[in-house]
Amino acid sequence: MEKRVTFSKWTIGILFAVPQLLLIFTFFYWPAGQAVYWSLTLQQPWGGGNIWVGLDNFRSILSNADYWNSISASLVFAGISTGLAMFIALVLAALTDRQLAGSRFYRVVLIWPYGIAAPALAMAFRFILAPEAGFMAVVNQVWPGFWDPGLDGADAMASIIIAFSWKYVGYNFIFFLAAFQAIPRSLIEAAAMDGSGVVRRFWDIQFPLITPTIFFLLVINITESFQDSFGIVDIMTSGGPANATNLMVYKIYSDGFKGLDYSGAAAQSIILMLLIVVLTIFQFRFIERRVHYR
C-alpha cells in the first residue's frame, strides 16, 4: 500500500509553498507584467511618467524593416546553430558510447565547453576567428578576402553560429550519451549477432529509442538560441556589420539601453516571448508525433 505524507494543518503546506511562489512571482510574473505594461505606454527616457499609447509601439516595430531583418536573422541563427550543435553532439555521443580508446577522457572533456560563460567564450572565438591572426589569417593569405566578419555579414553570422554551437555541443552531448547508455545492451548485441552493421544498428535501434531526447534538446536549443545568444553577439559582432547579426535579443538591448527606447524594447521582448511560445507549440504539435516513447 502506498504511503503518503500529510500535514496536520493545511497552513504548513502553504508555508512550504510560499517561498517558491514568491520567487516565481518576483522573477517571472512581475517582470513579465511590467514588460506588458511598458509595451503599452510611452516611457520617458529620463523618468517623468508615462503616456498610454495602446498598440502603437507594436505597430511602429512591425512596420520597421530593420526589425523584420532582426527576426529573419534570429530564425537563421536558431535553425543552423541548433542543427549543428545537435548533430555534432549526436555523433560524438554515439562514438563515446561505443567505448572506443580514450572514451572516458573524451566524456569528461566534451562537457567542459558548456561551463564557459558566453562572454568569455565569445572573446576567445573573437581571437580564434580573427581575419588578421591565427588560422583564418592563413586562409586569407591563400584566398585573399575569403574571411572577414568585420565587413561580410555572412562571415559574421557564421562566426557567432560557430561559437554558440561549440558551447551547446557539450550540453547536448550529456543528454545524448545518457540516452545511449539507457538503451539495453542486449538489444545492440542481438542486432550485432544477426549481422547488422554499426550504421544499421544506429538507425534501426538506437535512433528511434533516443527520439524523446532529440525532441527535448530540439526545444531547449531553439529556445536558448533566442535567449542565450546575447553575450556572444555583444562581444563578437555588436550586431554588425550592417545589422547582419542584430538578433532579436540584442536589438532589445541596443534599442532599450543604447537608444533609450524603453517602451519599444518592452514591446520587442513581448514579441520575442510570443515567438518562442509559438515555436514551442509548433514543435509539440507537429514534431512530437514522430517521437517514439518506450
Protein backbone atom coordinates (compact mmCIF):
# COMPACT_ATOMS: atom_id res chain seq x y z
CA MET A 1 0.00 0.00 0.00
CA GLU A 2 1.40 3.40 -1.00
CA LYS A 3 2.11 5.71 1.91
CA ARG A 4 1.52 9.41 1.60
CA VAL A 5 2.94 12.21 3.68
CA THR A 6 0.27 14.54 5.04
CA PHE A 7 0.42 17.70 7.12
CA SER A 8 -1.52 18.03 10.32
CA LYS A 9 -2.60 21.52 9.23
CA TRP A 10 -3.10 22.87 5.73
CA THR A 11 -1.29 26.05 6.68
CA ILE A 12 2.00 24.11 6.96
CA GLY A 13 1.78 23.14 3.30
CA ILE A 14 1.07 26.73 2.37
CA LEU A 15 4.12 27.91 4.30
CA PHE A 16 6.33 25.46 2.40
CA ALA A 17 4.93 26.68 -0.93
CA VAL A 18 5.16 30.41 -0.18
CA PRO A 19 8.95 30.81 -0.79
CA GLN A 20 8.71 29.15 -4.21
CA LEU A 21 5.63 31.17 -5.14
CA LEU A 22 7.41 34.38 -4.14
CA LEU A 23 10.40 33.51 -6.32
CA ILE A 24 8.17 32.76 -9.31
CA PHE A 25 6.20 35.96 -8.84
CA THR A 26 9.29 38.12 -8.27
CA PHE A 27 11.45 36.83 -11.12
CA PHE A 28 8.81 35.85 -13.70
CA TYR A 29 5.29 37.22 -13.32
CA TRP A 30 6.25 40.66 -12.05
CA PRO A 31 8.87 41.39 -14.75
CA ALA A 32 6.58 39.95 -17.43
CA GLY A 33 3.70 42.11 -16.22
CA GLN A 34 5.92 45.20 -16.18
CA ALA A 35 7.09 44.46 -19.73
CA VAL A 36 3.49 44.19 -20.93
CA TYR A 37 2.60 47.48 -19.21
CA TRP A 38 5.67 49.28 -20.60
CA SER A 39 4.93 47.99 -24.11
CA LEU A 40 1.51 49.68 -23.99
CA THR A 41 2.83 53.02 -22.76
CA LEU A 42 5.37 55.61 -23.84
CA GLN A 43 8.09 55.73 -21.19
CA GLN A 44 10.15 58.89 -20.80
CA PRO A 45 13.91 58.15 -21.18
CA TRP A 46 14.88 60.07 -18.02
CA GLY A 47 11.75 59.46 -15.95
CA GLY A 48 8.82 61.78 -15.54
CA GLY A 49 5.92 59.38 -16.03
CA ASN A 50 4.43 57.61 -18.99
CA ILE A 51 1.70 58.03 -21.58
CA TRP A 52 -0.78 55.33 -22.57
CA VAL A 53 -0.41 54.60 -26.31
CA GLY A 54 -2.01 51.16 -26.62
CA LEU A 55 -0.64 49.12 -29.51
CA ASP A 56 1.26 51.99 -31.14
CA ASN A 57 4.62 50.57 -30.06
CA PHE A 58 3.84 47.25 -31.74
CA ARG A 59 2.65 48.97 -34.92
CA SER A 60 5.85 51.03 -35.04
CA ILE A 61 8.04 47.96 -34.56
CA LEU A 62 6.24 45.73 -37.05
CA SER A 63 6.41 48.44 -39.70
CA ASN A 64 10.17 48.72 -39.32
CA ALA A 65 12.21 46.84 -41.94
CA ASP A 66 15.19 46.58 -39.56
CA TYR A 67 13.08 44.68 -37.07
CA TRP A 68 11.95 42.15 -39.67
CA ASN A 69 15.60 41.74 -40.63
CA SER A 70 16.31 41.01 -36.96
CA ILE A 71 13.60 38.33 -36.92
CA SER A 72 14.93 36.65 -40.08
CA ALA A 73 18.50 36.75 -38.74
CA SER A 74 17.33 35.20 -35.47
CA LEU A 75 15.50 32.39 -37.27
CA VAL A 76 18.52 31.63 -39.45
CA PHE A 77 20.81 31.67 -36.41
CA ALA A 78 18.47 29.43 -34.39
CA GLY A 79 18.00 26.89 -37.17
CA ILE A 80 21.63 26.48 -38.20
CA SER A 81 23.16 26.63 -34.71
CA THR A 82 20.63 24.14 -33.31
CA GLY A 83 21.15 21.69 -36.15
CA LEU A 84 24.94 21.99 -36.00
CA ALA A 85 25.20 21.65 -32.21
CA MET A 86 22.83 18.68 -32.05
CA PHE A 87 24.39 16.84 -35.00
CA ILE A 88 27.96 17.12 -33.70
CA ALA A 89 26.89 16.16 -30.18
CA LEU A 90 24.96 13.15 -31.51
CA VAL A 91 27.96 11.87 -33.45
CA LEU A 92 30.32 12.37 -30.51
CA ALA A 93 27.93 10.67 -28.08
CA ALA A 94 27.46 7.72 -30.43
CA LEU A 95 31.23 7.27 -30.74
CA THR A 96 31.78 7.66 -26.99
CA ASP A 97 29.04 5.14 -26.25
CA ARG A 98 30.96 2.53 -28.26
CA GLN A 99 33.71 2.85 -25.63
CA LEU A 100 36.48 3.45 -28.09
CA ALA A 101 40.03 4.13 -26.91
CA GLY A 102 40.07 7.23 -24.72
CA SER A 103 36.27 7.45 -24.47
CA ARG A 104 36.38 8.16 -20.73
CA PHE A 105 38.70 11.11 -21.30
CA TYR A 106 36.51 12.46 -24.11
CA ARG A 107 33.44 12.05 -21.94
CA VAL A 108 34.84 14.50 -19.41
CA VAL A 109 36.44 16.96 -21.83
CA LEU A 110 33.40 17.32 -24.09
CA ILE A 111 31.27 18.56 -21.18
CA TRP A 112 33.56 21.47 -20.29
CA PRO A 113 32.56 23.95 -23.06
CA TYR A 114 29.07 24.36 -21.62
CA GLY A 115 30.54 25.55 -18.33
CA ILE A 116 32.21 28.55 -20.00
CA ALA A 117 30.36 31.86 -19.71
CA ALA A 118 29.11 33.21 -23.03
CA PRO A 119 31.15 36.48 -22.90
CA ALA A 120 34.38 34.58 -22.17
CA LEU A 121 33.64 32.11 -24.94
CA ALA A 122 32.87 34.94 -27.35
CA MET A 123 36.12 36.71 -26.53
CA ALA A 124 38.07 33.52 -27.22
CA PHE A 125 36.34 32.92 -30.55
CA ARG A 126 36.76 36.56 -31.50
CA PHE A 127 40.52 35.98 -31.46
CA ILE A 128 40.33 32.46 -32.91
CA LEU A 129 38.28 33.61 -35.91
CA ALA A 130 40.02 36.97 -36.38
CA PRO A 131 40.91 37.52 -40.05
CA GLU A 132 44.26 39.12 -39.25
CA ALA A 133 45.66 36.43 -36.93
CA GLY A 134 45.55 32.70 -36.32
CA PHE A 135 44.11 30.04 -38.60
CA MET A 136 41.82 32.32 -40.57
CA ALA A 137 44.74 34.63 -41.33
CA VAL A 138 46.46 31.69 -43.02
CA VAL A 139 43.29 31.01 -45.02
CA ASN A 140 43.13 34.67 -46.06
CA GLN A 141 46.74 34.50 -47.26
CA VAL A 142 45.80 31.63 -49.56
CA TRP A 143 42.47 33.18 -50.61
CA PRO A 144 42.69 36.95 -50.00
CA GLY A 145 39.48 38.38 -48.60
CA PHE A 146 37.92 34.95 -48.06
CA TRP A 147 37.08 35.62 -44.39
CA ASP A 148 36.28 38.98 -42.82
CA PRO A 149 33.49 39.07 -40.19
CA GLY A 150 34.01 42.79 -39.76
CA LEU A 151 32.88 43.54 -43.32
CA ASP A 152 30.97 40.49 -44.54
CA GLY A 153 27.60 39.82 -42.89
CA ALA A 154 27.61 36.12 -43.83
CA ASP A 155 31.04 35.66 -42.22
CA ALA A 156 29.86 37.46 -39.08
CA MET A 157 26.77 35.24 -38.85
CA ALA A 158 28.92 32.15 -39.37
CA SER A 159 31.27 33.23 -36.57
CA ILE A 160 28.52 33.59 -33.94
CA ILE A 161 26.91 30.33 -35.09
CA ILE A 162 30.21 28.51 -34.65
CA ALA A 163 30.74 29.97 -31.16
CA PHE A 164 27.19 29.25 -29.98
CA SER A 165 27.20 25.72 -31.42
CA TRP A 166 30.55 24.94 -29.79
CA LYS A 167 29.12 25.92 -26.42
CA TYR A 168 25.97 23.80 -26.74
CA VAL A 169 27.70 20.72 -28.13
CA GLY A 170 28.74 19.94 -24.56
CA TYR A 171 25.21 20.41 -23.22
CA ASN A 172 23.68 18.18 -25.90
CA PHE A 173 26.44 15.61 -25.51
CA ILE A 174 25.49 14.97 -21.87
CA PHE A 175 21.88 14.11 -22.73
CA PHE A 176 22.69 12.11 -25.85
CA LEU A 177 25.25 9.99 -24.03
CA ALA A 178 22.79 9.33 -21.19
CA ALA A 179 20.14 8.34 -23.75
CA PHE A 180 22.52 5.92 -25.49
CA GLN A 181 23.55 4.33 -22.22
CA ALA A 182 19.89 3.84 -21.22
CA ILE A 183 19.37 1.51 -24.19
CA PRO A 184 19.65 -2.15 -23.08
CA ARG A 185 22.89 -3.65 -24.34
CA SER A 186 21.04 -6.87 -25.08
CA LEU A 187 19.26 -5.17 -27.99
CA ILE A 188 22.52 -3.97 -29.53
CA GLU A 189 24.20 -7.35 -29.03
CA ALA A 190 21.25 -9.22 -30.53
CA ALA A 191 21.29 -6.98 -33.60
CA ALA A 192 25.04 -7.46 -33.96
CA MET A 193 24.61 -11.25 -33.77
CA ASP A 194 22.02 -11.00 -36.56
CA GLY A 195 24.65 -9.40 -38.77
CA SER A 196 23.60 -5.73 -38.53
CA GLY A 197 26.42 -3.24 -39.00
CA VAL A 198 27.14 -0.21 -36.85
CA VAL A 199 25.20 2.21 -39.05
CA ARG A 200 22.24 -0.16 -39.40
CA ARG A 201 22.05 -0.69 -35.63
CA PHE A 202 22.14 3.07 -35.10
CA TRP A 203 19.28 3.90 -37.48
CA ASP A 204 17.05 0.89 -36.73
CA ILE A 205 17.52 0.57 -32.96
CA GLN A 206 19.35 3.41 -31.26
CA PHE A 207 17.98 6.41 -33.14
CA PRO A 208 14.27 5.57 -32.65
CA LEU A 209 14.85 4.96 -28.93
CA ILE A 210 16.56 8.31 -28.36
CA THR A 211 13.94 10.40 -30.22
CA PRO A 212 12.45 11.66 -26.90
CA THR A 213 15.88 13.07 -26.03
CA ILE A 214 16.27 14.55 -29.51
CA PHE A 215 12.88 16.26 -29.21
CA PHE A 216 13.71 17.61 -25.75
CA LEU A 217 17.05 19.01 -26.93
CA LEU A 218 15.44 20.48 -30.03
CA VAL A 219 13.04 22.51 -27.90
CA ILE A 220 15.77 23.58 -25.47
CA ASN A 221 18.31 24.52 -28.15
CA ILE A 222 15.88 26.60 -30.18
CA THR A 223 14.68 28.40 -27.06
CA GLU A 224 18.22 29.09 -25.85
CA SER A 225 19.34 30.28 -29.29
CA PHE A 226 16.88 33.14 -28.96
CA GLN A 227 17.83 33.97 -25.36
CA ASP A 228 21.41 32.92 -24.63
CA SER A 229 22.99 34.43 -27.74
CA PHE A 230 23.25 37.97 -26.39
CA GLY A 231 26.71 37.66 -24.82
CA ILE A 232 28.20 36.11 -27.96
CA VAL A 233 26.74 38.73 -30.29
CA ASP A 234 27.69 41.63 -28.00
CA ILE A 235 31.35 40.62 -27.75
CA MET A 236 31.95 39.27 -31.26
CA THR A 237 29.97 41.47 -33.64
CA SER A 238 27.83 44.01 -31.70
CA GLY A 239 25.04 43.27 -34.16
CA GLY A 240 27.06 44.19 -37.24
CA PRO A 241 28.13 44.54 -39.89
CA ALA A 242 25.13 46.38 -41.32
CA ASN A 243 22.83 44.70 -38.76
CA ALA A 244 23.61 41.26 -40.22
CA THR A 245 23.88 39.76 -36.71
CA ASN A 246 21.49 42.10 -34.93
CA LEU A 247 19.44 39.27 -33.40
CA MET A 248 16.15 39.98 -31.63
CA VAL A 249 17.60 39.66 -28.13
CA TYR A 250 20.46 42.03 -28.97
CA LYS A 251 18.14 44.54 -30.65
CA ILE A 252 16.10 44.70 -27.44
CA TYR A 253 19.25 45.66 -25.57
CA SER A 254 20.52 48.16 -28.15
CA ASP A 255 17.16 49.91 -28.54
CA GLY A 256 16.39 49.93 -24.83
CA PHE A 257 19.73 50.73 -23.20
CA LYS A 258 21.56 52.49 -26.02
CA GLY A 259 18.64 54.14 -27.79
CA LEU A 260 16.70 54.71 -24.53
CA ASP A 261 13.52 53.46 -26.19
CA TYR A 262 12.25 51.54 -23.19
CA SER A 263 8.71 51.14 -24.49
CA GLY A 264 9.85 49.87 -27.86
CA ALA A 265 12.28 47.45 -26.22
CA ALA A 266 9.50 46.18 -23.94
CA ALA A 267 7.27 45.58 -26.97
CA GLN A 268 10.09 43.71 -28.68
CA SER A 269 10.54 41.50 -25.61
CA ILE A 270 6.84 40.62 -25.72
CA ILE A 271 7.11 39.71 -29.41
CA LEU A 272 10.19 37.59 -28.71
CA MET A 273 8.38 35.76 -25.91
CA LEU A 274 5.36 35.12 -28.14
CA LEU A 275 7.61 33.87 -30.97
CA ILE A 276 9.27 31.38 -28.64
CA VAL A 277 5.86 30.21 -27.40
CA VAL A 278 4.61 29.75 -30.98
CA LEU A 279 7.72 27.79 -31.98
CA THR A 280 7.42 25.58 -28.91
CA ILE A 281 3.74 24.87 -29.59
CA PHE A 282 4.59 24.08 -33.22
CA GLN A 283 7.23 21.58 -32.12
CA PHE A 284 4.89 19.86 -29.68
CA ARG A 285 2.06 19.85 -32.23
CA PHE A 286 3.84 18.62 -35.35
CA ILE A 287 7.22 17.16 -34.34
CA GLU A 288 6.39 15.29 -31.15
CA ARG A 289 4.09 12.93 -33.08
CA ARG A 290 7.23 11.44 -34.65
CA VAL A 291 8.76 10.76 -31.25
CA HIS A 292 8.90 7.11 -30.21
CA TYR A 293 8.31 6.77 -26.46
CA ARG A 294 9.33 3.47 -24.99
